Each structure stands twice: as C-alpha cells, then as structure tokens.
C-alpha atoms as a PDB file:
ATOM      1  CA  UNK A   1     -20.195 -18.598 -85.199  1.00  0.00           C
ATOM      2  CA  UNK A   2     -22.032 -19.529 -81.969  1.00  0.00           C
ATOM      3  CA  UNK A   3     -21.726 -17.049 -79.054  1.00  0.00           C
ATOM      4  CA  UNK A   4     -20.032 -18.353 -75.965  1.00  0.00           C
ATOM      5  CA  UNK A   5     -21.963 -17.958 -72.745  1.00  0.00           C
ATOM      6  CA  UNK A   6     -20.809 -15.057 -70.644  1.00  0.00           C
ATOM      7  CA  UNK A   7     -19.238 -16.344 -67.387  1.00  0.00           C
ATOM      8  CA  UNK A   8     -21.000 -15.123 -64.283  1.00  0.00           C
ATOM      9  CA  UNK A   9     -19.011 -13.723 -61.338  1.00  0.00           C
ATOM     10  CA  UNK A  10     -18.971 -15.978 -58.287  1.00  0.00           C
ATOM     11  CA  UNK A  11     -21.418 -14.726 -55.664  1.00  0.00           C
ATOM     12  CA  UNK A  12     -19.745 -12.781 -52.902  1.00  0.00           C
ATOM     13  CA  UNK A  13     -19.416 -14.756 -49.693  1.00  0.00           C
ATOM     14  CA  UNK A  14     -21.473 -13.425 -46.796  1.00  0.00           C
ATOM     15  CA  UNK A  15     -19.417 -11.000 -44.702  1.00  0.00           C
ATOM     16  CA  UNK A  16     -19.896 -13.068 -41.539  1.00  0.00           C
ATOM     17  CA  UNK A  17     -16.171 -13.396 -40.950  1.00  0.00           C
ATOM     18  CA  UNK A  18     -15.673  -9.632 -40.902  1.00  0.00           C
ATOM     19  CA  UNK A  19     -18.766  -9.201 -38.758  1.00  0.00           C
ATOM     20  CA  UNK A  20     -17.532 -11.624 -36.123  1.00  0.00           C
ATOM     21  CA  UNK A  21     -14.055 -10.073 -36.181  1.00  0.00           C
ATOM     22  CA  UNK A  22     -15.586  -6.621 -35.649  1.00  0.00           C
ATOM     23  CA  UNK A  23     -17.746  -7.889 -32.806  1.00  0.00           C
ATOM     24  CA  UNK A  24     -14.746  -9.528 -31.120  1.00  0.00           C
ATOM     25  CA  UNK A  25     -12.662  -6.373 -31.476  1.00  0.00           C
ATOM     26  CA  UNK A  26     -15.491  -4.276 -30.063  1.00  0.00           C
ATOM     27  CA  UNK A  27     -15.889  -6.661 -27.136  1.00  0.00           C
ATOM     28  CA  UNK A  28     -12.193  -6.512 -26.314  1.00  0.00           C
ATOM     29  CA  UNK A  29     -12.229  -2.706 -26.506  1.00  0.00           C
ATOM     30  CA  UNK A  30     -15.279  -2.581 -24.247  1.00  0.00           C
ATOM     31  CA  UNK A  31     -13.618  -4.884 -21.710  1.00  0.00           C
ATOM     32  CA  UNK A  32     -10.535  -2.668 -21.671  1.00  0.00           C
ATOM     33  CA  UNK A  33     -12.425   0.613 -21.411  1.00  0.00           C
ATOM     34  CA  UNK A  34     -15.194  -0.527 -19.087  1.00  0.00           C
ATOM     35  CA  UNK A  35     -13.344  -3.153 -17.045  1.00  0.00           C
ATOM     36  CA  UNK A  36     -15.189  -3.175 -13.710  1.00  0.00           C
ATOM     37  CA  UNK A  37     -13.451  -1.842 -10.619  1.00  0.00           C
ATOM     38  CA  UNK A  38     -13.799  -5.232  -8.912  1.00  0.00           C
ATOM     39  CA  UNK A  39     -11.083  -6.590 -11.224  1.00  0.00           C
ATOM     40  CA  UNK A  40      -8.645  -4.206  -9.555  1.00  0.00           C
ATOM     41  CA  UNK A  41      -9.961  -4.917  -6.064  1.00  0.00           C
ATOM     42  CA  UNK A  42      -9.767  -8.682  -6.561  1.00  0.00           C
ATOM     43  CA  UNK A  43      -6.160  -8.355  -7.713  1.00  0.00           C
ATOM     44  CA  UNK A  44      -5.168  -6.272  -4.679  1.00  0.00           C
ATOM     45  CA  UNK A  45      -6.808  -8.700  -2.247  1.00  0.00           C
ATOM     46  CA  UNK A  46      -5.056 -11.668  -3.868  1.00  0.00           C
ATOM     47  CA  UNK A  47      -1.655  -9.926  -3.865  1.00  0.00           C
ATOM     48  CA  UNK A  48      -1.907  -9.072  -0.136  1.00  0.00           C
ATOM     49  CA  UNK A  49      -3.568 -12.332   0.956  1.00  0.00           C
ATOM     50  CA  UNK A  50      -6.639 -10.364   1.924  1.00  0.00           C
ATOM     51  CA  UNK A  51      -4.834  -8.056   4.334  1.00  0.00           C
ATOM     52  CA  UNK A  52      -5.501  -4.979   2.161  1.00  0.00           C
ATOM     53  CA  UNK A  53      -8.865  -4.772   0.435  1.00  0.00           C
ATOM     54  CA  UNK A  54     -10.905  -2.305  -1.573  1.00  0.00           C
ATOM     55  CA  UNK A  55     -14.530  -2.985  -0.729  1.00  0.00           C
ATOM     56  CA  UNK A  56     -17.821  -1.678  -2.129  1.00  0.00           C
ATOM     57  CA  UNK A  57     -15.996  -0.704  -5.321  1.00  0.00           C
ATOM     58  CA  UNK A  58     -17.715   1.523  -7.866  1.00  0.00           C
ATOM     59  CA  UNK A  59     -16.717   2.576 -11.388  1.00  0.00           C
ATOM     60  CA  UNK A  60     -14.059   0.950 -13.545  1.00  0.00           C
ATOM     61  CA  UNK A  61     -10.424  -0.080 -13.351  1.00  0.00           C
ATOM     62  CA  UNK A  62      -9.623   3.276 -14.975  1.00  0.00           C
ATOM     63  CA  UNK A  63     -11.786   5.550 -12.859  1.00  0.00           C
ATOM     64  CA  UNK A  64     -13.331   4.298  -9.642  1.00  0.00           C
ATOM     65  CA  UNK A  65     -13.595   4.485  -5.895  1.00  0.00           C
ATOM     66  CA  UNK A  66     -13.846   2.088  -2.962  1.00  0.00           C
ATOM     67  CA  UNK A  67     -13.562   1.702   0.800  1.00  0.00           C
ATOM     68  CA  UNK A  68     -10.019   0.806   1.950  1.00  0.00           C
ATOM     69  CA  UNK A  69     -10.082  -1.986   4.553  1.00  0.00           C
ATOM     70  CA  UNK A  70      -7.207  -3.643   6.440  1.00  0.00           C
ATOM     71  CA  UNK A  71      -7.480  -7.209   7.672  1.00  0.00           C
ATOM     72  CA  UNK A  72      -8.584 -10.548   6.255  1.00  0.00           C
ATOM     73  CA  UNK A  73     -10.970 -11.266   9.158  1.00  0.00           C
ATOM     74  CA  UNK A  74     -14.257  -9.437   8.509  1.00  0.00           C
ATOM     75  CA  UNK A  75     -15.051  -9.398  12.239  1.00  0.00           C
ATOM     76  CA  UNK A  76     -11.806  -7.564  13.112  1.00  0.00           C
ATOM     77  CA  UNK A  77     -11.076  -5.581   9.935  1.00  0.00           C
ATOM     78  CA  UNK A  78     -10.694  -1.802  10.126  1.00  0.00           C
ATOM     79  CA  UNK A  79     -11.689   0.722   7.468  1.00  0.00           C
ATOM     80  CA  UNK A  80     -10.213   4.044   6.413  1.00  0.00           C
ATOM     81  CA  UNK A  81     -12.671   6.880   7.014  1.00  0.00           C
ATOM     82  CA  UNK A  82     -14.132   7.985   3.705  1.00  0.00           C
ATOM     83  CA  UNK A  83     -13.478   6.454   0.306  1.00  0.00           C
ATOM     84  CA  UNK A  84     -10.382   6.195  -1.887  1.00  0.00           C
ATOM     85  CA  UNK A  85     -10.652   7.354  -5.502  1.00  0.00           C
ATOM     86  CA  UNK A  86      -8.317   6.409  -8.333  1.00  0.00           C
ATOM     87  CA  UNK A  87      -7.716   7.443 -11.919  1.00  0.00           C
ATOM     88  CA  UNK A  88      -5.513   5.186 -14.072  1.00  0.00           C
ATOM     89  CA  UNK A  89      -4.297   6.433 -17.470  1.00  0.00           C
ATOM     90  CA  UNK A  90      -1.827   5.211 -20.120  1.00  0.00           C
ATOM     91  CA  UNK A  91       1.221   7.455 -20.420  1.00  0.00           C
ATOM     92  CA  UNK A  92       4.024   6.753 -22.866  1.00  0.00           C
ATOM     93  CA  UNK A  93       4.959   3.090 -22.423  1.00  0.00           C
ATOM     94  CA  UNK A  94       3.476   2.890 -18.943  1.00  0.00           C
ATOM     95  CA  UNK A  95       0.644   3.920 -16.685  1.00  0.00           C
ATOM     96  CA  UNK A  96      -0.013   6.807 -14.301  1.00  0.00           C
ATOM     97  CA  UNK A  97      -2.107   6.140 -11.206  1.00  0.00           C
ATOM     98  CA  UNK A  98      -3.606   9.071  -9.303  1.00  0.00           C
ATOM     99  CA  UNK A  99      -4.920   8.354  -5.804  1.00  0.00           C
ATOM    100  CA  UNK A 100      -7.210  10.680  -3.863  1.00  0.00           C
ATOM    101  CA  UNK A 101      -8.473  10.329  -0.296  1.00  0.00           C
ATOM    102  CA  UNK A 102     -10.143  13.446   1.109  1.00  0.00           C
ATOM    103  CA  UNK A 103      -9.759  12.115   4.647  1.00  0.00           C
ATOM    104  CA  UNK A 104      -6.014  11.678   4.480  1.00  0.00           C
ATOM    105  CA  UNK A 105      -4.410  13.494   1.522  1.00  0.00           C
ATOM    106  CA  UNK A 106      -4.308  17.230   0.846  1.00  0.00           C
ATOM    107  CA  UNK A 107      -3.923  16.581  -2.888  1.00  0.00           C
ATOM    108  CA  UNK A 108      -3.835  13.559  -5.223  1.00  0.00           C
ATOM    109  CA  UNK A 109      -0.850  11.226  -4.922  1.00  0.00           C
ATOM    110  CA  UNK A 110       0.524  10.149  -8.314  1.00  0.00           C
ATOM    111  CA  UNK A 111       2.343   6.862  -9.022  1.00  0.00           C
ATOM    112  CA  UNK A 112       3.956   5.968 -12.360  1.00  0.00           C
ATOM    113  CA  UNK A 113       4.536   2.461 -13.670  1.00  0.00           C
ATOM    114  CA  UNK A 114       6.442   1.341 -16.729  1.00  0.00           C
ATOM    115  CA  UNK A 115       9.359  -0.590 -18.179  1.00  0.00           C
ATOM    116  CA  UNK A 116      12.953   0.606 -18.168  1.00  0.00           C
ATOM    117  CA  UNK A 117      16.404  -0.905 -18.585  1.00  0.00           C
ATOM    118  CA  UNK A 118      16.018  -2.088 -14.986  1.00  0.00           C
ATOM    119  CA  UNK A 119      12.789  -3.952 -15.735  1.00  0.00           C
ATOM    120  CA  UNK A 120       9.406  -3.067 -14.278  1.00  0.00           C
ATOM    121  CA  UNK A 121       9.642   0.255 -12.433  1.00  0.00           C
ATOM    122  CA  UNK A 122       7.173   1.907 -10.053  1.00  0.00           C
ATOM    123  CA  UNK A 123       7.808   5.487  -8.920  1.00  0.00           C
ATOM    124  CA  UNK A 124       5.845   7.226  -6.162  1.00  0.00           C
ATOM    125  CA  UNK A 125       5.361  10.970  -6.220  1.00  0.00           C
ATOM    126  CA  UNK A 126       7.057  12.857  -3.388  1.00  0.00           C
ATOM    127  CA  UNK A 127       5.005  13.636  -0.298  1.00  0.00           C
ATOM    128  CA  UNK A 128       6.362  16.680   1.514  1.00  0.00           C
ATOM    129  CA  UNK A 129       5.473  17.589   5.100  1.00  0.00           C
ATOM    130  CA  UNK A 130       2.470  19.689   4.063  1.00  0.00           C
ATOM    131  CA  UNK A 131       1.284  16.936   1.679  1.00  0.00           C
ATOM    132  CA  UNK A 132       1.863  13.924   3.939  1.00  0.00           C
ATOM    133  CA  UNK A 133      -0.443  10.930   3.940  1.00  0.00           C
ATOM    134  CA  UNK A 134      -2.179  11.127   7.335  1.00  0.00           C
ATOM    135  CA  UNK A 135      -3.796   8.037   8.824  1.00  0.00           C
ATOM    136  CA  UNK A 136      -5.320   7.107  12.177  1.00  0.00           C
ATOM    137  CA  UNK A 137      -3.136   4.542  13.951  1.00  0.00           C
ATOM    138  CA  UNK A 138      -6.248   2.605  14.964  1.00  0.00           C
ATOM    139  CA  UNK A 139      -6.385   1.403  11.361  1.00  0.00           C
ATOM    140  CA  UNK A 140      -3.480  -0.969  12.128  1.00  0.00           C
ATOM    141  CA  UNK A 141      -5.613  -3.095  14.443  1.00  0.00           C
ATOM    142  CA  UNK A 142      -7.120  -4.801  11.415  1.00  0.00           C
ATOM    143  CA  UNK A 143      -3.754  -6.408  10.638  1.00  0.00           C
ATOM    144  CA  UNK A 144      -3.975  -8.611  13.730  1.00  0.00           C
ATOM    145  CA  UNK A 145      -1.207  -9.358  16.233  1.00  0.00           C
ATOM    146  CA  UNK A 146       0.422  -7.322  17.768  1.00  0.00           C
ATOM    147  CA  UNK A 147      -1.573  -4.315  16.558  1.00  0.00           C
ATOM    148  CA  UNK A 148      -4.937  -5.498  17.783  1.00  0.00           C
ATOM    149  CA  UNK A 149      -3.444  -6.187  21.237  1.00  0.00           C
ATOM    150  CA  UNK A 150      -1.792  -2.778  21.482  1.00  0.00           C
ATOM    151  CA  UNK A 151      -4.942  -1.014  20.189  1.00  0.00           C
ATOM    152  CA  UNK A 152      -2.935   2.115  19.410  1.00  0.00           C
ATOM    153  CA  UNK A 153      -4.590   5.495  19.091  1.00  0.00           C
ATOM    154  CA  UNK A 154      -2.900   8.535  17.592  1.00  0.00           C
ATOM    155  CA  UNK A 155      -1.930  10.037  14.259  1.00  0.00           C
ATOM    156  CA  UNK A 156       0.474   8.781  11.589  1.00  0.00           C
ATOM    157  CA  UNK A 157       1.987  10.928   8.825  1.00  0.00           C
ATOM    158  CA  UNK A 158       3.964   9.498   5.906  1.00  0.00           C
ATOM    159  CA  UNK A 159       6.429  11.531   3.831  1.00  0.00           C
ATOM    160  CA  UNK A 160       8.363  10.212   0.820  1.00  0.00           C
ATOM    161  CA  UNK A 161      11.229  11.419  -1.355  1.00  0.00           C
ATOM    162  CA  UNK A 162      12.469   9.726  -4.530  1.00  0.00           C
ATOM    163  CA  UNK A 163      10.757   6.465  -3.583  1.00  0.00           C
ATOM    164  CA  UNK A 164      10.783   3.827  -6.326  1.00  0.00           C
ATOM    165  CA  UNK A 165      10.792   0.074  -6.784  1.00  0.00           C
ATOM    166  CA  UNK A 166      12.333  -1.975  -9.592  1.00  0.00           C
ATOM    167  CA  UNK A 167      11.698  -5.615 -10.492  1.00  0.00           C
ATOM    168  CA  UNK A 168      14.358  -7.290 -12.604  1.00  0.00           C
ATOM    169  CA  UNK A 169      14.954 -11.015 -13.009  1.00  0.00           C
ATOM    170  CA  UNK A 170      12.691 -11.727 -10.060  1.00  0.00           C
ATOM    171  CA  UNK A 171      14.552  -9.383  -7.696  1.00  0.00           C
ATOM    172  CA  UNK A 172      13.119  -6.283  -6.030  1.00  0.00           C
ATOM    173  CA  UNK A 173      15.235  -3.172  -5.513  1.00  0.00           C
ATOM    174  CA  UNK A 174      13.920  -0.140  -3.624  1.00  0.00           C
ATOM    175  CA  UNK A 175      15.410   3.354  -3.848  1.00  0.00           C
ATOM    176  CA  UNK A 176      14.636   6.632  -2.129  1.00  0.00           C
ATOM    177  CA  UNK A 177      13.509   7.306   1.402  1.00  0.00           C
ATOM    178  CA  UNK A 178      10.407   7.729   3.528  1.00  0.00           C
ATOM    179  CA  UNK A 179       9.583   8.940   7.008  1.00  0.00           C
ATOM    180  CA  UNK A 180       6.661   7.817   9.147  1.00  0.00           C
ATOM    181  CA  UNK A 181       5.842   9.910  12.229  1.00  0.00           C
ATOM    182  CA  UNK A 182       3.495   8.456  14.836  1.00  0.00           C
ATOM    183  CA  UNK A 183       2.486  11.249  17.206  1.00  0.00           C
ATOM    184  CA  UNK A 184       0.353  11.449  20.330  1.00  0.00           C
ATOM    185  CA  UNK A 185       0.231   7.673  20.726  1.00  0.00           C
ATOM    186  CA  UNK A 186      -1.821   5.985  23.415  1.00  0.00           C
ATOM    187  CA  UNK A 187      -2.777   2.403  24.283  1.00  0.00           C
ATOM    188  CA  UNK A 188      -5.236   0.677  26.608  1.00  0.00           C
ATOM    189  CA  UNK A 189      -2.354  -1.333  28.101  1.00  0.00           C
ATOM    190  CA  UNK A 190      -1.205   1.522  30.328  1.00  0.00           C
ATOM    191  CA  UNK A 191      -2.987   4.038  32.569  1.00  0.00           C
ATOM    192  CA  UNK A 192      -1.029   6.862  30.952  1.00  0.00           C
ATOM    193  CA  UNK A 193      -3.067   9.064  28.630  1.00  0.00           C
ATOM    194  CA  UNK A 194      -0.122   9.244  26.183  1.00  0.00           C
ATOM    195  CA  UNK A 195       2.950   7.069  25.809  1.00  0.00           C
ATOM    196  CA  UNK A 196       4.886   9.173  23.272  1.00  0.00           C
ATOM    197  CA  UNK A 197       5.676  10.131  19.687  1.00  0.00           C
ATOM    198  CA  UNK A 198       7.992   8.196  17.374  1.00  0.00           C
ATOM    199  CA  UNK A 199       9.685   8.293  13.972  1.00  0.00           C
ATOM    200  CA  UNK A 200      10.457   5.433  11.610  1.00  0.00           C
ATOM    201  CA  UNK A 201      12.926   6.295   8.837  1.00  0.00           C
ATOM    202  CA  UNK A 202      13.322   4.127   5.728  1.00  0.00           C
ATOM    203  CA  UNK A 203      16.394   4.387   3.495  1.00  0.00           C
ATOM    204  CA  UNK A 204      16.388   2.413   0.234  1.00  0.00           C
ATOM    205  CA  UNK A 205      19.441   0.961  -1.465  1.00  0.00           C
ATOM    206  CA  UNK A 206      21.089  -2.390  -2.084  1.00  0.00           C
ATOM    207  CA  UNK A 207      20.219  -3.259   1.519  1.00  0.00           C
ATOM    208  CA  UNK A 208      17.220  -1.143   2.581  1.00  0.00           C
ATOM    209  CA  UNK A 209      17.365  -0.017   6.209  1.00  0.00           C
ATOM    210  CA  UNK A 210      14.937   1.327   8.800  1.00  0.00           C
ATOM    211  CA  UNK A 211      15.632   3.277  11.982  1.00  0.00           C
ATOM    212  CA  UNK A 212      13.220   3.737  14.890  1.00  0.00           C
ATOM    213  CA  UNK A 213      13.623   6.615  17.341  1.00  0.00           C
ATOM    214  CA  UNK A 214      11.629   8.345  20.078  1.00  0.00           C
ATOM    215  CA  UNK A 215      10.652  11.958  19.566  1.00  0.00           C
ATOM    216  CA  UNK A 216       9.203  12.389  23.063  1.00  0.00           C
ATOM    217  CA  UNK A 217       7.220  10.528  25.698  1.00  0.00           C
ATOM    218  CA  UNK A 218       7.315   8.121  28.621  1.00  0.00           C
ATOM    219  CA  UNK A 219       7.853   5.007  26.489  1.00  0.00           C
ATOM    220  CA  UNK A 220      11.333   5.112  24.964  1.00  0.00           C
ATOM    221  CA  UNK A 221      11.756   3.141  21.733  1.00  0.00           C
ATOM    222  CA  UNK A 222      14.810   2.698  19.542  1.00  0.00           C
ATOM    223  CA  UNK A 223      16.044   0.177  17.019  1.00  0.00           C
ATOM    224  CA  UNK A 224      17.472  -0.569  13.604  1.00  0.00           C
ATOM    225  CA  UNK A 225      16.699  -3.078  10.901  1.00  0.00           C
ATOM    226  CA  UNK A 226      17.395  -4.078   7.332  1.00  0.00           C
ATOM    227  CA  UNK A 227      15.882  -6.210   4.573  1.00  0.00           C
ATOM    228  CA  UNK A 228      17.953  -9.287   3.797  1.00  0.00           C
ATOM    229  CA  UNK A 229      16.793 -11.649   1.037  1.00  0.00           C
ATOM    230  CA  UNK A 230      13.394  -9.973   1.089  1.00  0.00           C
ATOM    231  CA  UNK A 231      12.870 -10.395   4.849  1.00  0.00           C
ATOM    232  CA  UNK A 232      13.038  -7.768   7.590  1.00  0.00           C
ATOM    233  CA  UNK A 233      15.570  -8.253  10.368  1.00  0.00           C
ATOM    234  CA  UNK A 234      15.001  -5.740  13.164  1.00  0.00           C
ATOM    235  CA  UNK A 235      16.531  -5.349  16.602  1.00  0.00           C
ATOM    236  CA  UNK A 236      15.351  -2.757  19.089  1.00  0.00           C
ATOM    237  CA  UNK A 237      14.529  -2.075  22.689  1.00  0.00           C
ATOM    238  CA  UNK A 238      11.913  -0.327  24.788  1.00  0.00           C
ATOM    239  CA  UNK A 239      12.263   1.226  28.216  1.00  0.00           C
ATOM    240  CA  UNK A 240      10.399   3.580  30.512  1.00  0.00           C
ATOM    241  CA  UNK A 241      11.393   7.134  31.241  1.00  0.00           C
ATOM    242  CA  UNK A 242      12.413   7.730  34.886  1.00  0.00           C
ATOM    243  CA  UNK A 243       9.390   7.623  37.162  1.00  0.00           C
ATOM    244  CA  UNK A 244       7.198   5.814  34.606  1.00  0.00           C
ATOM    245  CA  UNK A 245       8.397   2.256  35.182  1.00  0.00           C
ATOM    246  CA  UNK A 246       5.297   1.113  37.080  1.00  0.00           C
ATOM    247  CA  UNK A 247       2.805   2.600  34.638  1.00  0.00           C
ATOM    248  CA  UNK A 248       4.543   0.960  31.663  1.00  0.00           C
ATOM    249  CA  UNK A 249       5.427  -2.429  33.200  1.00  0.00           C
ATOM    250  CA  UNK A 250       2.509  -4.285  31.569  1.00  0.00           C
ATOM    251  CA  UNK A 251       3.178  -2.740  28.150  1.00  0.00           C
ATOM    252  CA  UNK A 252       6.881  -3.555  28.327  1.00  0.00           C
ATOM    253  CA  UNK A 253       6.062  -7.185  29.128  1.00  0.00           C
ATOM    254  CA  UNK A 254       3.935  -7.460  25.991  1.00  0.00           C
ATOM    255  CA  UNK A 255       5.962  -5.677  23.306  1.00  0.00           C
ATOM    256  CA  UNK A 256       9.184  -7.607  23.841  1.00  0.00           C
ATOM    257  CA  UNK A 257      11.293  -9.961  25.968  1.00  0.00           C
ATOM    258  CA  UNK A 258      12.154  -8.440  29.318  1.00  0.00           C
ATOM    259  CA  UNK A 259      15.812  -7.928  30.159  1.00  0.00           C
ATOM    260  CA  UNK A 260      15.851  -6.094  33.454  1.00  0.00           C
ATOM    261  CA  UNK A 261      14.354  -2.647  32.954  1.00  0.00           C
ATOM    262  CA  UNK A 262      14.426  -3.047  29.168  1.00  0.00           C
ATOM    263  CA  UNK A 263      12.189  -4.936  26.782  1.00  0.00           C
ATOM    264  CA  UNK A 264      14.027  -6.413  23.792  1.00  0.00           C
ATOM    265  CA  UNK A 265      12.326  -6.373  20.383  1.00  0.00           C
ATOM    266  CA  UNK A 266      13.404  -8.872  17.742  1.00  0.00           C
ATOM    267  CA  UNK A 267      11.901  -9.371  14.281  1.00  0.00           C
ATOM    268  CA  UNK A 268      13.283 -11.860  11.774  1.00  0.00           C
END
C-alpha cells in the first residue's frame, strides 16, 4: 500500500504585527512618561489667553520647572522671582499636583484633581497664615489696565481654607474661602510713601462673594461683590483719610468715578 505524503505545517507568519503593536505601545508609554513640560505650559497659556504663562520650561509634564510670567504682551509682562517647580502624580482615580516656589511658599502647595459624584473636582490644600503664598504686588502690572497704571508696590499674602472647585454639566461651583492681604502698598500716583493695607475676603457657595476692607492707611477702600452667571459684579468706594485729600486727589480720580469726596468703583 503506497505511503501518503506527510503534510507539512504551514510556515509561521512573520511576527511583524506583534512587533509593530509593541513599538506603538512603547511609544505611547514613552509619550506619557516623558511628555515634555512645554505641553503643560502651552495648555496653561491657551486656557488663560496668554495672561498666565510658564516660560523657559524644563523637565516633563510630571516633574518640571519654569518661570511664571503674567501678561500676554512680552514688552510689559512681569515675572515671579525665581522658578516654579511642579510634581504631578496619579493618585487613586485622580491626580495630585505639588507646587513649589522657594521665593513665595514656605512649603509645597498640594492640589488634588479627580472625578466625584459632582463631576470634575479640584481641591486646593489649605494655606495657613504661616504657610501663605506671598507675592510682590508689582507682579500685577503684567496684567495690564488698571494695574500697570497704578504700578502698585507692596506685599500680598494669600491664605485658603477648604477651597475647591467642581465642574458639572458645564457649571462651575466654588466652595471654601480665601483671604488676600495686601500690606504696605504704595503707588507712583501719589506723593505719599504708603497709601495703606487692605484685605480681600472670598467666600464660596452657590453665589460666591468677595468683601474688600481697609486695614489701615490714608486711602480708605471698601466694597462688596458677587459672581453672577460666571461674571463678577462689584461695587465699592474709595476716599481719603482726613488731611490726605490733596495728596490722594489724583489717585482717586483714576481708580473710580468721582462723587464729591468719594470715588465710586464699579465692576460688571
């Protein structure tokens, strides 16, 4: 009986498909791990229309540093002294962002981002009085009018407690509170060496509110405001302490609409 030929196994197909899949997976992993810091800086500039920028960035999205600059006009922009460092890490179903700025923070400031029943949620770590974010007021000049006209000099200190933001169905809700103290303020628009110290309180809620008050000084400021439909509506007034009317006349004419001895401030 004749022997049947033994069937030969089909030659294995070259493993190019697996090779390309492995290369693609490795490329994606490399992009995630080594994503350049400029991706983060480009996103921040786009989100703020160039008013807040991170320039001369080094490192990656996950671990990097840059120069913080305010202002879209390069000729008038102002920079924070020193560099800002960040470390971004996955945590649970979200991310933890740790910010460090030797010039302005005593210790790193941690923010947490993630999803909850309320949608996207961002929570800022508390900043107590001894941990406040301290900034030179001259930094504000980079934001343009009226800050560049006032050319303020002095110190600002930001404290926060329970501050968080939630995005749900396209709506932003802010909770918690913050306090911004501006102390030892001066301006080139008056011959006085100092005009005063001030406090701006923010209170989150369904209708976030801010309150402006004078702590001390020749220039007396007060006012209240609230966010309605995402826009700030603020009403306040400025006046001069007795005996300082002449020295502050020019400044009062600029910061608001004159109404006798007062200058009325209206935003929104």
